[in-house]
Amino acid sequence: MPYVNHRPGSASDLSFSITSHNCNLKTCVEECESALNLMNLRTGCWCGPSVLAMLFLALSPMAHSQEMANVSQANLTYLADNAQTIVRGHVVSAVLEPHPQFQNLQTAVVTIAVAKTFKGPSVPTMTFRQYVWNVKDALGAGGYQKSEEILLFLNPTSLYGLTSPVGMEQGHFHVLKDSRGNRFVLNGRGNLGLFTDVLTKSMARGVVFSAQAKVMLAKNGGRASLEALEETIQALVAVRP
């Protein structure tokens, strides 16, 4: 059984060591390293031994299960600063298929009809490929469902053609409506910690927030008005760190 020991570093310099009694270890190590790079995990995301072990097993034909990565808390400032692309739109399609270069890695190919772009090129539609942790996810292919409206903070696309939301589920927001038809957003953690320190630290670097945004940023989490969140994203993107 392999043992994987991760040594935290920059997003472009992920390193680890593996010891095993199995043969052909060099190939397994190389593919594990490639898998880590193609998932495009960024600084601030903790990737521990259990995740790396999962990746090692995922590259083996005998792998039958996966587990979600442990990812450190990311607030809205972190999401906005580290995303290459920030868009809101409706999912046109989300299809599960193996990665073209790593057949044992399942991916979701997602196409979005873009309604609004906050960061990155403005295009009517965009398609991206994302690694899938759980192929049996009840929420659809990689957590994406056709026709749903979402707001995404996406990492840069890796050398192997994959991207993922910044902070994993923290950078993937569902746009919903309450009983009165008001639109609000929730990420995969219920917006927990999303607004922590955003107001004080962002204003210190010259970001100007509306009164509506300030009310939202004073919350600990929970539902956030889509309008207020979008105003806040625009303010954060306008003043780069």
C-alpha atoms as a PDB file:
ATOM      1  CA  MET A   1       0.000   0.000   0.000  1.00  0.00           C
ATOM      2  CA  PRO A   2       1.518   3.389  -0.946  1.00  0.00           C
ATOM      3  CA  TYR A   3       2.204   6.109   1.594  1.00  0.00           C
ATOM      4  CA  VAL A   4       2.054   9.680   0.333  1.00  0.00           C
ATOM      5  CA  ASN A   5       3.621  12.580   2.176  1.00  0.00           C
ATOM      6  CA  HIS A   6       2.768  16.072   0.902  1.00  0.00           C
ATOM      7  CA  ARG A   7       5.129  18.981   1.496  1.00  0.00           C
ATOM      8  CA  PRO A   8       3.173  22.245   1.081  1.00  0.00           C
ATOM      9  CA  GLY A   9       4.553  24.651  -1.484  1.00  0.00           C
ATOM     10  CA  SER A  10       3.373  26.977  -4.189  1.00  0.00           C
ATOM     11  CA  ALA A  11       0.582  26.016  -6.554  1.00  0.00           C
ATOM     12  CA  SER A  12       3.088  25.469  -9.335  1.00  0.00           C
ATOM     13  CA  ASP A  13       5.496  23.475  -7.172  1.00  0.00           C
ATOM     14  CA  LEU A  14       3.516  20.679  -5.526  1.00  0.00           C
ATOM     15  CA  SER A  15       5.880  17.991  -4.311  1.00  0.00           C
ATOM     16  CA  PHE A  16       5.506  14.715  -2.498  1.00  0.00           C
ATOM     17  CA  SER A  17       7.213  11.398  -1.910  1.00  0.00           C
ATOM     18  CA  ILE A  18       5.790   7.897  -2.157  1.00  0.00           C
ATOM     19  CA  THR A  19       7.201   4.654  -0.826  1.00  0.00           C
ATOM     20  CA  SER A  20       5.741   1.308  -1.790  1.00  0.00           C
ATOM     21  CA  HIS A  21       6.562  -2.323  -2.233  1.00  0.00           C
ATOM     22  CA  ASN A  22       4.756  -2.321  -5.585  1.00  0.00           C
ATOM     23  CA  CYS A  23       6.559  -2.533  -8.890  1.00  0.00           C
ATOM     24  CA  ASN A  24       6.482   0.197 -11.559  1.00  0.00           C
ATOM     25  CA  LEU A  25       6.395   2.859  -8.841  1.00  0.00           C
ATOM     26  CA  LYS A  26       7.990   5.529 -11.024  1.00  0.00           C
ATOM     27  CA  THR A  27       5.007   5.557 -13.374  1.00  0.00           C
ATOM     28  CA  CYS A  28       2.559   5.820 -10.467  1.00  0.00           C
ATOM     29  CA  VAL A  29       4.492   8.715  -8.968  1.00  0.00           C
ATOM     30  CA  GLU A  30       4.636  10.576 -12.267  1.00  0.00           C
ATOM     31  CA  GLU A  31       0.921  10.147 -12.825  1.00  0.00           C
ATOM     32  CA  CYS A  32       0.120  11.252  -9.271  1.00  0.00           C
ATOM     33  CA  GLU A  33       2.195  14.382  -9.785  1.00  0.00           C
ATOM     34  CA  SER A  34       0.421  15.080 -13.058  1.00  0.00           C
ATOM     35  CA  ALA A  35      -2.954  14.555 -11.412  1.00  0.00           C
ATOM     36  CA  LEU A  36      -2.121  17.050  -8.684  1.00  0.00           C
ATOM     37  CA  ASN A  37      -1.017  19.652 -11.204  1.00  0.00           C
ATOM     38  CA  LEU A  38      -4.001  19.200 -13.477  1.00  0.00           C
ATOM     39  CA  MET A  39      -6.416  19.728 -10.577  1.00  0.00           C
ATOM     40  CA  ASN A  40      -4.794  23.120 -10.243  1.00  0.00           C
ATOM     41  CA  LEU A  41      -4.885  23.257  -6.443  1.00  0.00           C
ATOM     42  CA  ARG A  42      -3.770  26.724  -5.377  1.00  0.00           C
ATOM     43  CA  THR A  43      -1.987  28.234  -2.388  1.00  0.00           C
ATOM     44  CA  GLY A  44      -4.294  28.178   0.618  1.00  0.00           C
ATOM     45  CA  CYS A  45      -5.839  24.839  -0.232  1.00  0.00           C
ATOM     46  CA  TRP A  46      -4.569  22.130   2.096  1.00  0.00           C
ATOM     47  CA  CYS A  47      -3.965  18.819   0.378  1.00  0.00           C
ATOM     48  CA  GLY A  48      -3.148  16.179   2.962  1.00  0.00           C
ATOM     49  CA  PRO A  49      -1.953  12.582   2.840  1.00  0.00           C
ATOM     50  CA  SER A  50      -5.463  11.164   2.502  1.00  0.00           C
ATOM     51  CA  VAL A  51      -6.098  13.193  -0.649  1.00  0.00           C
ATOM     52  CA  LEU A  52      -2.802  12.255  -2.236  1.00  0.00           C
ATOM     53  CA  ALA A  53      -3.374   8.625  -1.384  1.00  0.00           C
ATOM     54  CA  MET A  54      -6.756   8.870  -3.041  1.00  0.00           C
ATOM     55  CA  LEU A  55      -5.107  10.262  -6.154  1.00  0.00           C
ATOM     56  CA  PHE A  56      -2.601   7.431  -6.172  1.00  0.00           C
ATOM     57  CA  LEU A  57      -5.442   4.914  -5.961  1.00  0.00           C
ATOM     58  CA  ALA A  58      -7.507   6.748  -8.541  1.00  0.00           C
ATOM     59  CA  LEU A  59      -4.721   6.118 -11.031  1.00  0.00           C
ATOM     60  CA  SER A  60      -4.882   2.402 -10.311  1.00  0.00           C
ATOM     61  CA  PRO A  61      -7.383   0.118 -12.098  1.00  0.00           C
ATOM     62  CA  MET A  62      -8.272  -1.285  -8.659  1.00  0.00           C
ATOM     63  CA  ALA A  63      -9.553   2.065  -7.357  1.00  0.00           C
ATOM     64  CA  HIS A  64     -13.280   2.057  -6.596  1.00  0.00           C
ATOM     65  CA  SER A  65     -13.838   5.024  -4.280  1.00  0.00           C
ATOM     66  CA  GLN A  66     -12.986   8.686  -3.842  1.00  0.00           C
ATOM     67  CA  GLU A  67     -13.161  11.268  -1.069  1.00  0.00           C
ATOM     68  CA  MET A  68     -13.458  15.060  -0.974  1.00  0.00           C
ATOM     69  CA  ALA A  69     -10.330  17.103  -0.413  1.00  0.00           C
ATOM     70  CA  ASN A  70      -9.796  19.070   2.766  1.00  0.00           C
ATOM     71  CA  VAL A  71      -9.691  22.688   1.680  1.00  0.00           C
ATOM     72  CA  SER A  72      -8.850  25.628   3.916  1.00  0.00           C
ATOM     73  CA  GLN A  73     -11.335  28.434   4.472  1.00  0.00           C
ATOM     74  CA  ALA A  74     -11.497  31.000   1.666  1.00  0.00           C
ATOM     75  CA  ASN A  75     -13.249  34.338   2.010  1.00  0.00           C
ATOM     76  CA  LEU A  76     -14.683  36.420  -0.828  1.00  0.00           C
ATOM     77  CA  THR A  77     -11.519  38.479  -1.201  1.00  0.00           C
ATOM     78  CA  TYR A  78      -9.447  35.334  -1.669  1.00  0.00           C
ATOM     79  CA  LEU A  79     -11.900  33.967  -4.235  1.00  0.00           C
ATOM     80  CA  ALA A  80     -11.916  37.192  -6.251  1.00  0.00           C
ATOM     81  CA  ASP A  81      -8.138  37.683  -6.113  1.00  0.00           C
ATOM     82  CA  ASN A  82      -7.256  34.132  -7.126  1.00  0.00           C
ATOM     83  CA  ALA A  83      -9.886  33.448  -9.774  1.00  0.00           C
ATOM     84  CA  GLN A  84      -8.876  33.881 -13.390  1.00  0.00           C
ATOM     85  CA  THR A  85     -12.518  33.821 -14.456  1.00  0.00           C
ATOM     86  CA  ILE A  86     -15.643  34.921 -12.573  1.00  0.00           C
ATOM     87  CA  VAL A  87     -18.963  34.418 -14.339  1.00  0.00           C
ATOM     88  CA  ARG A  88     -22.663  33.898 -13.707  1.00  0.00           C
ATOM     89  CA  GLY A  89     -24.820  31.883 -16.083  1.00  0.00           C
ATOM     90  CA  HIS A  90     -26.938  28.805 -16.718  1.00  0.00           C
ATOM     91  CA  VAL A  91     -25.565  25.309 -17.199  1.00  0.00           C
ATOM     92  CA  VAL A  92     -26.237  24.196 -20.774  1.00  0.00           C
ATOM     93  CA  SER A  93     -24.734  20.752 -20.299  1.00  0.00           C
ATOM     94  CA  ALA A  94     -22.632  18.767 -17.839  1.00  0.00           C
ATOM     95  CA  VAL A  95     -21.265  15.427 -19.010  1.00  0.00           C
ATOM     96  CA  LEU A  96     -19.084  12.898 -17.226  1.00  0.00           C
ATOM     97  CA  GLU A  97     -16.201  11.477 -19.228  1.00  0.00           C
ATOM     98  CA  PRO A  98     -12.662  10.203 -18.622  1.00  0.00           C
ATOM     99  CA  HIS A  99      -9.784  12.621 -18.936  1.00  0.00           C
ATOM    100  CA  PRO A 100      -8.346  12.158 -22.444  1.00  0.00           C
ATOM    101  CA  GLN A 101      -4.810  11.607 -21.107  1.00  0.00           C
ATOM    102  CA  PHE A 102      -5.603   9.871 -17.801  1.00  0.00           C
ATOM    103  CA  GLN A 103      -8.390   7.385 -18.405  1.00  0.00           C
ATOM    104  CA  ASN A 104      -8.753   6.473 -14.734  1.00  0.00           C
ATOM    105  CA  LEU A 105      -9.552  10.080 -13.825  1.00  0.00           C
ATOM    106  CA  GLN A 106     -13.211  10.951 -14.268  1.00  0.00           C
ATOM    107  CA  THR A 107     -13.991  14.506 -15.319  1.00  0.00           C
ATOM    108  CA  ALA A 108     -17.035  16.678 -15.950  1.00  0.00           C
ATOM    109  CA  VAL A 109     -17.198  18.728 -19.135  1.00  0.00           C
ATOM    110  CA  VAL A 110     -19.418  21.708 -18.363  1.00  0.00           C
ATOM    111  CA  THR A 111     -20.836  24.286 -20.785  1.00  0.00           C
ATOM    112  CA  ILE A 112     -22.342  27.505 -19.458  1.00  0.00           C
ATOM    113  CA  ALA A 113     -24.411  30.179 -21.185  1.00  0.00           C
ATOM    114  CA  VAL A 114     -22.779  33.246 -19.670  1.00  0.00           C
ATOM    115  CA  ALA A 115     -25.114  36.002 -18.480  1.00  0.00           C
ATOM    116  CA  LYS A 116     -22.541  38.187 -16.730  1.00  0.00           C
ATOM    117  CA  THR A 117     -18.749  38.317 -16.602  1.00  0.00           C
ATOM    118  CA  PHE A 118     -16.930  39.891 -13.665  1.00  0.00           C
ATOM    119  CA  LYS A 119     -13.393  38.818 -14.487  1.00  0.00           C
ATOM    120  CA  GLY A 120     -11.822  37.294 -17.570  1.00  0.00           C
ATOM    121  CA  PRO A 121     -12.850  37.399 -21.257  1.00  0.00           C
ATOM    122  CA  SER A 122     -16.514  38.183 -21.992  1.00  0.00           C
ATOM    123  CA  VAL A 123     -17.914  35.328 -24.052  1.00  0.00           C
ATOM    124  CA  PRO A 124     -21.498  34.148 -24.693  1.00  0.00           C
ATOM    125  CA  THR A 125     -20.696  30.555 -23.734  1.00  0.00           C
ATOM    126  CA  MET A 126     -17.790  28.838 -22.040  1.00  0.00           C
ATOM    127  CA  THR A 127     -16.813  25.200 -21.655  1.00  0.00           C
ATOM    128  CA  PHE A 128     -14.406  23.795 -19.098  1.00  0.00           C
ATOM    129  CA  ARG A 129     -13.294  20.412 -17.791  1.00  0.00           C
ATOM    130  CA  GLN A 130     -13.153  19.659 -14.059  1.00  0.00           C
ATOM    131  CA  TYR A 131     -11.906  16.665 -12.108  1.00  0.00           C
ATOM    132  CA  VAL A 132     -14.763  14.784 -10.405  1.00  0.00           C
ATOM    133  CA  TRP A 133     -14.239  13.623  -6.831  1.00  0.00           C
ATOM    134  CA  ASN A 134     -17.453  11.621  -6.624  1.00  0.00           C
ATOM    135  CA  VAL A 135     -18.950  10.163  -9.813  1.00  0.00           C
ATOM    136  CA  LYS A 136     -22.103   9.201  -7.860  1.00  0.00           C
ATOM    137  CA  ASP A 137     -22.772  12.777  -6.761  1.00  0.00           C
ATOM    138  CA  ALA A 138     -26.544  13.195  -6.442  1.00  0.00           C
ATOM    139  CA  LEU A 139     -26.202  16.841  -7.525  1.00  0.00           C
ATOM    140  CA  GLY A 140     -25.217  15.854 -11.053  1.00  0.00           C
ATOM    141  CA  ALA A 141     -21.973  15.698 -13.031  1.00  0.00           C
ATOM    142  CA  GLY A 142     -19.369  17.104 -10.687  1.00  0.00           C
ATOM    143  CA  GLY A 143     -22.056  19.047  -8.823  1.00  0.00           C
ATOM    144  CA  TYR A 144     -23.421  20.701 -11.995  1.00  0.00           C
ATOM    145  CA  GLN A 145     -26.986  20.253 -13.218  1.00  0.00           C
ATOM    146  CA  LYS A 146     -28.434  21.241 -16.567  1.00  0.00           C
ATOM    147  CA  SER A 147     -30.397  24.529 -16.575  1.00  0.00           C
ATOM    148  CA  GLU A 148     -29.348  25.592 -13.065  1.00  0.00           C
ATOM    149  CA  GLU A 149     -28.012  29.111 -12.581  1.00  0.00           C
ATOM    150  CA  ILE A 150     -24.581  29.336 -10.991  1.00  0.00           C
ATOM    151  CA  LEU A 151     -21.879  31.846 -10.129  1.00  0.00           C
ATOM    152  CA  LEU A 152     -18.328  30.541 -10.481  1.00  0.00           C
ATOM    153  CA  PHE A 153     -14.867  31.677  -9.432  1.00  0.00           C
ATOM    154  CA  LEU A 154     -12.622  29.527 -11.638  1.00  0.00           C
ATOM    155  CA  ASN A 155      -8.907  28.840 -11.336  1.00  0.00           C
ATOM    156  CA  PRO A 156      -6.657  29.159 -14.403  1.00  0.00           C
ATOM    157  CA  THR A 157      -6.809  26.149 -16.709  1.00  0.00           C
ATOM    158  CA  SER A 158      -3.952  23.749 -16.084  1.00  0.00           C
ATOM    159  CA  LEU A 159      -1.520  22.272 -18.590  1.00  0.00           C
ATOM    160  CA  TYR A 160      -3.765  19.211 -18.778  1.00  0.00           C
ATOM    161  CA  GLY A 161      -6.893  21.199 -19.606  1.00  0.00           C
ATOM    162  CA  LEU A 162      -8.576  21.160 -16.210  1.00  0.00           C
ATOM    163  CA  THR A 163      -9.822  23.849 -13.905  1.00  0.00           C
ATOM    164  CA  SER A 164     -11.915  23.972 -10.733  1.00  0.00           C
ATOM    165  CA  PRO A 165     -13.609  26.570  -8.560  1.00  0.00           C
ATOM    166  CA  VAL A 166     -11.229  28.479  -6.291  1.00  0.00           C
ATOM    167  CA  GLY A 167     -11.501  26.921  -2.842  1.00  0.00           C
ATOM    168  CA  MET A 168     -13.388  23.978  -4.384  1.00  0.00           C
ATOM    169  CA  GLU A 169     -17.060  24.154  -3.274  1.00  0.00           C
ATOM    170  CA  GLN A 170     -16.454  27.621  -1.814  1.00  0.00           C
ATOM    171  CA  GLY A 171     -16.075  29.130  -5.278  1.00  0.00           C
ATOM    172  CA  HIS A 172     -19.172  27.408  -6.680  1.00  0.00           C
ATOM    173  CA  PHE A 173     -22.396  29.300  -5.932  1.00  0.00           C
ATOM    174  CA  HIS A 174     -25.973  28.305  -6.690  1.00  0.00           C
ATOM    175  CA  VAL A 175     -28.340  31.138  -7.622  1.00  0.00           C
ATOM    176  CA  LEU A 176     -31.739  30.535  -6.023  1.00  0.00           C
ATOM    177  CA  LYS A 177     -35.025  32.341  -5.343  1.00  0.00           C
ATOM    178  CA  ASP A 178     -36.916  32.755  -2.082  1.00  0.00           C
ATOM    179  CA  SER A 179     -40.704  32.614  -1.698  1.00  0.00           C
ATOM    180  CA  ARG A 180     -40.962  36.249  -2.805  1.00  0.00           C
ATOM    181  CA  GLY A 181     -38.878  35.753  -5.912  1.00  0.00           C
ATOM    182  CA  ASN A 182     -35.792  37.468  -4.528  1.00  0.00           C
ATOM    183  CA  ARG A 183     -32.580  35.969  -5.868  1.00  0.00           C
ATOM    184  CA  PHE A 184     -29.887  34.866  -3.455  1.00  0.00           C
ATOM    185  CA  VAL A 185     -26.727  32.777  -3.587  1.00  0.00           C
ATOM    186  CA  LEU A 186     -25.209  29.992  -1.514  1.00  0.00           C
ATOM    187  CA  ASN A 187     -21.924  28.189  -2.039  1.00  0.00           C
ATOM    188  CA  GLY A 188     -21.138  24.601  -1.080  1.00  0.00           C
ATOM    189  CA  ARG A 189     -20.470  25.638   2.518  1.00  0.00           C
ATOM    190  CA  GLY A 190     -23.573  27.757   2.976  1.00  0.00           C
ATOM    191  CA  ASN A 191     -21.356  30.873   2.666  1.00  0.00           C
ATOM    192  CA  LEU A 192     -19.723  30.015   5.982  1.00  0.00           C
ATOM    193  CA  GLY A 193     -16.709  32.289   6.481  1.00  0.00           C
ATOM    194  CA  LEU A 194     -17.266  33.931   3.108  1.00  0.00           C
ATOM    195  CA  PHE A 195     -17.329  37.467   4.498  1.00  0.00           C
ATOM    196  CA  THR A 196     -14.763  37.094   7.283  1.00  0.00           C
ATOM    197  CA  ASP A 197     -12.398  40.110   7.329  1.00  0.00           C
ATOM    198  CA  VAL A 198     -13.475  41.193   3.840  1.00  0.00           C
ATOM    199  CA  LEU A 199     -14.794  44.602   4.870  1.00  0.00           C
ATOM    200  CA  THR A 200     -11.879  45.770   7.008  1.00  0.00           C
ATOM    201  CA  LYS A 201      -9.013  44.380   4.933  1.00  0.00           C
ATOM    202  CA  SER A 202     -10.466  45.378   1.559  1.00  0.00           C
ATOM    203  CA  MET A 203     -11.291  48.926   2.601  1.00  0.00           C
ATOM    204  CA  ALA A 204      -7.713  49.255   3.838  1.00  0.00           C
ATOM    205  CA  ARG A 205      -6.492  48.681   0.287  1.00  0.00           C
ATOM    206  CA  GLY A 206      -8.928  51.207  -1.178  1.00  0.00           C
ATOM    207  CA  VAL A 207     -11.990  49.125  -2.074  1.00  0.00           C
ATOM    208  CA  VAL A 208     -15.227  51.103  -1.831  1.00  0.00           C
ATOM    209  CA  PHE A 209     -18.379  49.160  -0.906  1.00  0.00           C
ATOM    210  CA  SER A 210     -22.013  50.201  -1.206  1.00  0.00           C
ATOM    211  CA  ALA A 211     -24.244  50.395   1.882  1.00  0.00           C
ATOM    212  CA  GLN A 212     -25.975  47.201   0.716  1.00  0.00           C
ATOM    213  CA  ALA A 213     -22.649  45.405   0.405  1.00  0.00           C
ATOM    214  CA  LYS A 214     -21.553  46.498   3.874  1.00  0.00           C
ATOM    215  CA  VAL A 215     -24.714  45.024   5.428  1.00  0.00           C
ATOM    216  CA  MET A 216     -24.052  41.718   3.679  1.00  0.00           C
ATOM    217  CA  LEU A 217     -20.375  41.660   4.664  1.00  0.00           C
ATOM    218  CA  ALA A 218     -21.304  42.037   8.335  1.00  0.00           C
ATOM    219  CA  LYS A 219     -22.943  38.598   8.286  1.00  0.00           C
ATOM    220  CA  ASN A 220     -21.302  35.345   9.344  1.00  0.00           C
ATOM    221  CA  GLY A 221     -22.732  33.388   6.436  1.00  0.00           C
ATOM    222  CA  GLY A 222     -26.050  32.124   5.145  1.00  0.00           C
ATOM    223  CA  ARG A 223     -28.043  33.504   2.233  1.00  0.00           C
ATOM    224  CA  ALA A 224     -26.578  36.469   0.402  1.00  0.00           C
ATOM    225  CA  SER A 225     -28.447  38.742  -1.956  1.00  0.00           C
ATOM    226  CA  LEU A 226     -27.299  38.154  -5.522  1.00  0.00           C
ATOM    227  CA  GLU A 227     -27.359  41.887  -6.193  1.00  0.00           C
ATOM    228  CA  ALA A 228     -25.274  42.700  -3.114  1.00  0.00           C
ATOM    229  CA  LEU A 229     -22.777  39.923  -3.835  1.00  0.00           C
ATOM    230  CA  GLU A 230     -22.317  41.000  -7.432  1.00  0.00           C
ATOM    231  CA  GLU A 231     -21.764  44.612  -6.363  1.00  0.00           C
ATOM    232  CA  THR A 232     -19.128  43.404  -3.935  1.00  0.00           C
ATOM    233  CA  ILE A 233     -17.375  41.242  -6.528  1.00  0.00           C
ATOM    234  CA  GLN A 234     -17.203  44.171  -8.940  1.00  0.00           C
ATOM    235  CA  ALA A 235     -15.710  46.368  -6.225  1.00  0.00           C
ATOM    236  CA  LEU A 236     -13.091  43.760  -5.320  1.00  0.00           C
ATOM    237  CA  VAL A 237     -12.113  43.077  -8.928  1.00  0.00           C
ATOM    238  CA  ALA A 238     -11.828  46.795  -9.680  1.00  0.00           C
ATOM    239  CA  VAL A 239      -9.072  47.201  -7.070  1.00  0.00           C
ATOM    240  CA  ARG A 240      -6.450  44.507  -7.640  1.00  0.00           C
ATOM    241  CA  PRO A 241      -4.071  43.639  -4.761  1.00  0.00           C
END
